[in-house]
Amino acid sequence: MKILRMASREEPLDCIASVILYKNPPWMIENVVSSFLDTDLKVKLYVIDNSPTPLTIPLLDKKWPVFYHHVGQNLGYGKAHNWCIGRCEPSKYYLVLNPDVIIPKRTIEELYQYLDGNPDIGMICPRVLNKDQTLQYLNKRQPNLMDLFLRRFYTYNRMFAFIKKRLDHYEMRDIGYDVIHEVPFMTGAFMFCRTDVLKKVGGFDPRFFMYFEDADLSRKFQNEGNKTIYYPYVHITHFWKRESRKSLIMALVFAISGMKYFHKWGWKLY
């Protein structure tokens, strides 16, 4: 493990980010690390590795202001991020970041400046693009059982266009992805948060191993009077795989997390 400090402990960092690994390829890790660190802000990155074996490639050497920790077990997404949130140095902002993300230069600076000018916003997310630069529709309204079921199993058919309209509403396509607006359910791929608010709400609920921890954290921010905002004027690239649609095991994990979410926040059919 190597630690490089970018500021004294008395001087809060501008931004700390945490990335959780689980058997990710080296090229992906290098992309997310290098793109986050390509900034003039005072930053530090925590890399928490849930993989069975630690990294054996020289990615996290002295050129990186990175703290790497191999857990030795799979803590899950939210609990591993909490490991960082509870131990990191003081910072103004905290970025919950997926390993399959690339951040263009100046993206973090612009989000930083926007939050500085809008103290009522607790969390912000930029436009999210696929590898081919098409848009990912990740903004969502509060989940309900009907929308989740349809989203999992519906295949477009013109005879059932009303279902697509309903799902478009769930993904906030009626508002669109070209204007700033509040988002009830923020994507966990990139959650740029005020650190004091993130700590106040206790970070992620560790009962969610994977899935719905982002919906839960969004609601906790909102319950504390902090807006969760989509900001379309900068973007990230997200190599999204939607594993819950490809794997029966991940679909089961998704279903279990969904039941925990509705048990906590109330069951809503439609």
Protein backbone atom coordinates (compact mmCIF):
# COMPACT_ATOMS: atom_id res chain seq x y z
CA MET A 1 0.00 0.00 0.00
CA LYS A 2 1.24 3.47 -0.83
CA ILE A 3 -0.08 6.81 0.36
CA LEU A 4 0.81 10.13 -1.23
CA ARG A 5 -0.67 13.17 0.45
CA MET A 6 -1.55 16.16 -1.69
CA ALA A 7 -2.19 18.51 1.24
CA SER A 8 -1.70 18.66 4.98
CA ARG A 9 -4.28 17.11 7.23
CA GLU A 10 -5.19 20.61 8.44
CA GLU A 11 -6.06 21.71 4.89
CA PRO A 12 -9.05 19.84 3.43
CA LEU A 13 -8.61 18.38 -0.02
CA ASP A 14 -10.82 19.67 -2.81
CA CYS A 15 -12.07 16.19 -3.65
CA ILE A 16 -11.57 12.60 -2.56
CA ALA A 17 -12.83 9.75 -4.72
CA SER A 18 -13.25 6.06 -4.03
CA VAL A 19 -13.29 3.26 -6.60
CA ILE A 20 -14.26 -0.33 -5.79
CA LEU A 21 -12.60 -3.11 -7.79
CA TYR A 22 -13.67 -6.67 -8.38
CA LYS A 23 -11.67 -8.56 -11.01
CA ASN A 24 -11.46 -5.50 -13.26
CA PRO A 25 -9.03 -5.57 -16.21
CA PRO A 26 -5.84 -3.49 -15.91
CA TRP A 27 -6.73 -1.15 -18.79
CA MET A 28 -9.97 -0.20 -17.04
CA ILE A 29 -8.24 0.54 -13.74
CA GLU A 30 -5.59 2.66 -15.41
CA ASN A 31 -8.23 4.63 -17.35
CA VAL A 32 -10.29 5.54 -14.30
CA VAL A 33 -7.25 6.36 -12.17
CA SER A 34 -5.51 8.53 -14.76
CA SER A 35 -8.68 10.36 -15.83
CA PHE A 36 -9.69 11.24 -12.26
CA LEU A 37 -6.20 12.50 -11.43
CA ASP A 38 -5.99 14.68 -14.56
CA THR A 39 -7.05 17.79 -12.66
CA ASP A 40 -5.58 20.91 -11.08
CA LEU A 41 -7.65 20.38 -7.93
CA LYS A 42 -6.14 18.92 -4.77
CA VAL A 43 -7.41 15.36 -4.92
CA LYS A 44 -6.77 11.85 -3.69
CA LEU A 45 -8.11 8.51 -4.88
CA TYR A 46 -8.90 5.49 -2.72
CA VAL A 47 -8.88 2.18 -4.57
CA ILE A 48 -10.53 -0.60 -2.58
CA ASP A 49 -10.05 -4.05 -4.06
CA ASN A 50 -12.73 -6.65 -3.31
CA SER A 51 -11.06 -9.17 -5.64
CA PRO A 52 -9.86 -12.56 -4.34
CA THR A 53 -6.22 -11.67 -5.05
CA PRO A 54 -4.48 -8.28 -4.96
CA LEU A 55 -3.25 -6.44 -8.03
CA THR A 56 0.09 -7.67 -9.31
CA ILE A 57 0.53 -5.00 -12.00
CA PRO A 58 2.51 -1.79 -11.41
CA LEU A 59 -0.43 0.58 -11.87
CA LEU A 60 -0.44 2.18 -8.45
CA ASP A 61 3.17 3.31 -8.17
CA LYS A 62 4.63 6.60 -6.99
CA LYS A 63 3.28 8.65 -9.89
CA TRP A 64 -0.26 8.19 -8.58
CA PRO A 65 -1.70 10.05 -5.53
CA VAL A 66 -3.56 6.87 -4.63
CA PHE A 67 -4.23 4.71 -1.60
CA TYR A 68 -4.70 1.06 -2.55
CA HIS A 69 -6.20 -1.46 -0.13
CA HIS A 70 -6.85 -5.12 -0.84
CA VAL A 71 -9.75 -6.20 1.37
CA GLY A 72 -9.42 -9.95 0.94
CA GLN A 73 -13.16 -10.46 0.62
CA ASN A 74 -16.04 -9.04 -1.38
CA LEU A 75 -17.59 -6.43 0.90
CA GLY A 76 -20.07 -5.30 -1.73
CA TYR A 77 -20.34 -1.89 -3.36
CA GLY A 78 -21.69 0.38 -0.65
CA LYS A 79 -19.86 -1.18 2.29
CA ALA A 80 -16.51 -0.92 0.49
CA HIS A 81 -17.14 2.77 -0.28
CA ASN A 82 -18.04 3.25 3.40
CA TRP A 83 -14.61 1.87 4.31
CA CYS A 84 -13.13 4.91 2.55
CA ILE A 85 -15.74 7.43 3.67
CA GLY A 86 -15.08 6.61 7.31
CA ARG A 87 -11.28 6.73 7.06
CA CYS A 88 -10.33 9.36 4.50
CA GLU A 89 -8.85 12.79 5.15
CA PRO A 90 -11.09 15.89 5.29
CA SER A 91 -12.32 17.09 1.92
CA LYS A 92 -14.83 19.53 0.49
CA TYR A 93 -16.34 17.06 -1.98
CA TYR A 94 -16.43 13.29 -2.30
CA LEU A 95 -16.83 11.35 -5.55
CA VAL A 96 -18.34 7.86 -5.54
CA LEU A 97 -16.90 6.46 -8.74
CA ASN A 98 -17.27 3.27 -10.78
CA PRO A 99 -14.12 1.63 -12.14
CA ASP A 100 -15.64 1.46 -15.65
CA VAL A 101 -15.71 5.25 -16.06
CA ILE A 102 -13.50 7.71 -17.94
CA ILE A 103 -13.65 11.37 -16.87
CA PRO A 104 -12.72 14.00 -19.48
CA LYS A 105 -10.49 16.83 -18.35
CA ARG A 106 -12.25 19.79 -16.64
CA THR A 107 -15.35 17.73 -15.80
CA ILE A 108 -14.62 17.58 -12.08
CA GLU A 109 -13.62 21.27 -11.99
CA GLU A 110 -16.92 22.36 -13.54
CA LEU A 111 -19.00 20.24 -11.17
CA TYR A 112 -16.93 21.57 -8.26
CA GLN A 113 -17.58 25.17 -9.32
CA TYR A 114 -21.30 24.56 -9.84
CA LEU A 115 -21.73 23.10 -6.37
CA ASP A 116 -19.73 25.98 -4.91
CA GLY A 117 -22.29 28.36 -6.37
CA ASN A 118 -25.35 26.34 -5.32
CA PRO A 119 -25.18 25.44 -1.62
CA ASP A 120 -28.64 23.81 -1.65
CA ILE A 121 -27.33 20.99 -3.89
CA GLY A 122 -25.86 18.01 -2.07
CA MET A 123 -25.12 15.69 -4.98
CA ILE A 124 -24.62 16.10 -8.71
CA CYS A 125 -24.09 13.84 -11.72
CA PRO A 126 -23.09 14.78 -15.29
CA ARG A 127 -24.30 13.46 -18.63
CA VAL A 128 -23.32 9.78 -18.98
CA LEU A 129 -22.31 8.42 -22.39
CA ASN A 130 -21.61 4.98 -23.81
CA LYS A 131 -18.29 4.12 -25.44
CA ASP A 132 -19.77 5.17 -28.81
CA GLN A 133 -20.83 8.49 -27.22
CA THR A 134 -24.56 7.71 -27.28
CA LEU A 135 -26.53 8.71 -24.23
CA GLN A 136 -27.22 6.47 -21.23
CA TYR A 137 -30.64 7.15 -19.70
CA LEU A 138 -29.63 6.70 -16.07
CA ASN A 139 -31.73 9.43 -14.41
CA LYS A 140 -34.74 7.85 -12.71
CA ARG A 141 -37.78 8.69 -10.69
CA GLN A 142 -38.39 6.81 -7.44
CA PRO A 143 -38.65 3.09 -8.23
CA ASN A 144 -41.83 1.07 -7.99
CA LEU A 145 -42.53 -2.62 -8.56
CA MET A 146 -44.33 -2.19 -11.88
CA ASP A 147 -41.62 -0.11 -13.53
CA LEU A 148 -38.86 -2.42 -12.34
CA PHE A 149 -40.70 -5.49 -13.65
CA LEU A 150 -41.39 -3.89 -17.03
CA ARG A 151 -37.84 -2.60 -17.33
CA ARG A 152 -36.46 -6.08 -16.71
CA PHE A 153 -38.69 -8.03 -19.11
CA TYR A 154 -40.24 -5.64 -21.65
CA THR A 155 -39.15 -5.85 -25.31
CA TYR A 156 -40.43 -3.07 -27.52
CA ASN A 157 -43.56 -3.80 -29.52
CA ARG A 158 -45.66 -1.12 -31.22
CA MET A 159 -48.83 -2.76 -29.90
CA PHE A 160 -47.64 -1.97 -26.37
CA ALA A 161 -46.20 1.49 -26.97
CA PHE A 162 -47.86 2.69 -23.75
CA ILE A 163 -45.38 0.52 -21.81
CA LYS A 164 -42.45 2.26 -23.47
CA LYS A 165 -44.03 5.60 -22.62
CA ARG A 166 -44.26 4.54 -18.99
CA LEU A 167 -40.63 3.42 -18.91
CA ASP A 168 -39.54 6.64 -20.62
CA HIS A 169 -41.27 8.50 -17.79
CA TYR A 170 -39.39 6.40 -15.21
CA GLU A 171 -36.10 7.29 -16.95
CA MET A 172 -37.13 10.98 -16.99
CA ARG A 173 -37.05 11.20 -20.78
CA ASP A 174 -40.12 13.45 -20.64
CA ILE A 175 -37.93 16.12 -19.03
CA GLY A 176 -35.00 15.27 -21.24
CA TYR A 177 -31.25 15.10 -20.79
CA ASP A 178 -30.33 18.54 -22.08
CA VAL A 179 -31.30 20.71 -19.11
CA ILE A 180 -30.38 20.88 -15.44
CA HIS A 181 -33.02 19.26 -13.25
CA GLU A 182 -33.54 17.39 -9.99
CA VAL A 183 -33.24 13.60 -10.14
CA PRO A 184 -34.87 11.48 -7.41
CA PHE A 185 -32.74 8.40 -8.16
CA MET A 186 -29.13 9.20 -9.08
CA THR A 187 -26.85 6.67 -10.77
CA GLY A 188 -24.21 5.14 -8.52
CA ALA A 189 -21.64 5.21 -11.34
CA PHE A 190 -20.72 8.83 -10.55
CA MET A 191 -22.09 10.58 -7.46
CA PHE A 192 -20.31 13.87 -6.77
CA CYS A 193 -21.27 14.72 -3.19
CA ARG A 194 -20.69 17.30 -0.50
CA THR A 195 -18.54 15.39 1.94
CA ASP A 196 -20.20 16.85 5.03
CA VAL A 197 -23.63 15.74 3.83
CA LEU A 198 -22.35 12.30 2.83
CA LYS A 199 -20.92 11.80 6.30
CA LYS A 200 -24.03 13.23 7.98
CA VAL A 201 -26.30 10.65 6.34
CA GLY A 202 -23.85 7.87 7.22
CA GLY A 203 -22.74 7.02 3.68
CA PHE A 204 -24.28 3.95 2.10
CA ASP A 205 -26.63 1.59 3.90
CA PRO A 206 -24.46 -1.57 4.28
CA ARG A 207 -27.53 -3.80 3.99
CA PHE A 208 -27.40 -3.29 0.21
CA PHE A 209 -24.65 -5.55 -1.15
CA MET A 210 -25.17 -4.24 -4.70
CA TYR A 211 -28.01 -2.39 -6.47
CA PHE A 212 -30.41 0.18 -4.97
CA GLU A 213 -27.71 1.58 -2.69
CA ASP A 214 -27.64 4.60 -5.01
CA ALA A 215 -31.42 5.04 -4.85
CA ASP A 216 -31.25 4.78 -1.07
CA LEU A 217 -28.40 7.31 -0.77
CA SER A 218 -30.24 9.74 -3.06
CA ARG A 219 -33.28 9.62 -0.79
CA LYS A 220 -31.17 10.13 2.32
CA PHE A 221 -29.66 13.27 0.79
CA GLN A 222 -33.11 14.56 -0.16
CA ASN A 223 -34.50 13.85 3.31
CA GLU A 224 -31.77 16.11 4.72
CA GLY A 225 -32.97 18.94 2.46
CA ASN A 226 -30.25 18.57 -0.19
CA LYS A 227 -31.09 18.55 -3.89
CA THR A 228 -29.75 15.79 -6.15
CA ILE A 229 -29.11 17.34 -9.54
CA TYR A 230 -28.36 16.26 -13.11
CA TYR A 231 -25.91 18.59 -14.87
CA PRO A 232 -25.72 18.00 -18.66
CA TYR A 233 -22.95 20.42 -19.65
CA VAL A 234 -20.10 18.02 -18.92
CA HIS A 235 -20.00 14.26 -19.41
CA ILE A 236 -18.31 11.00 -18.48
CA THR A 237 -17.97 7.78 -20.48
CA HIS A 238 -19.36 4.67 -18.78
CA PHE A 239 -18.63 1.13 -20.01
CA TRP A 240 -22.00 -0.14 -18.81
CA LYS A 241 -22.65 -3.92 -18.86
CA ARG A 242 -26.03 -4.27 -17.10
CA GLU A 243 -24.94 -7.52 -15.45
CA SER A 244 -28.34 -8.13 -13.82
CA ARG A 245 -29.76 -8.81 -17.30
CA LYS A 246 -27.00 -11.27 -18.24
CA SER A 247 -26.54 -13.28 -15.06
CA LEU A 248 -29.13 -15.15 -13.03
CA ILE A 249 -27.04 -14.66 -9.91
CA MET A 250 -26.86 -10.89 -10.41
CA ALA A 251 -30.58 -10.81 -11.19
CA LEU A 252 -31.18 -12.50 -7.85
CA VAL A 253 -28.92 -9.98 -6.09
CA PHE A 254 -30.92 -7.20 -7.80
CA ALA A 255 -34.22 -8.69 -6.62
CA ILE A 256 -33.02 -9.09 -3.02
CA SER A 257 -31.74 -5.51 -2.92
CA GLY A 258 -35.04 -4.31 -4.37
CA MET A 259 -36.98 -6.04 -1.61
CA LYS A 260 -34.72 -4.45 1.01
CA TYR A 261 -35.26 -1.05 -0.57
CA PHE A 262 -39.05 -1.31 -0.59
CA HIS A 263 -39.08 -2.74 2.92
CA LYS A 264 -37.13 0.33 4.08
CA TRP A 265 -38.95 3.04 2.12
CA GLY A 266 -42.38 1.51 1.60
CA TRP A 267 -43.81 -0.82 -1.02
CA LYS A 268 -45.08 1.00 -4.09
CA LEU A 269 -46.81 -1.03 -6.81
CA TYR A 270 -46.98 1.61 -9.57
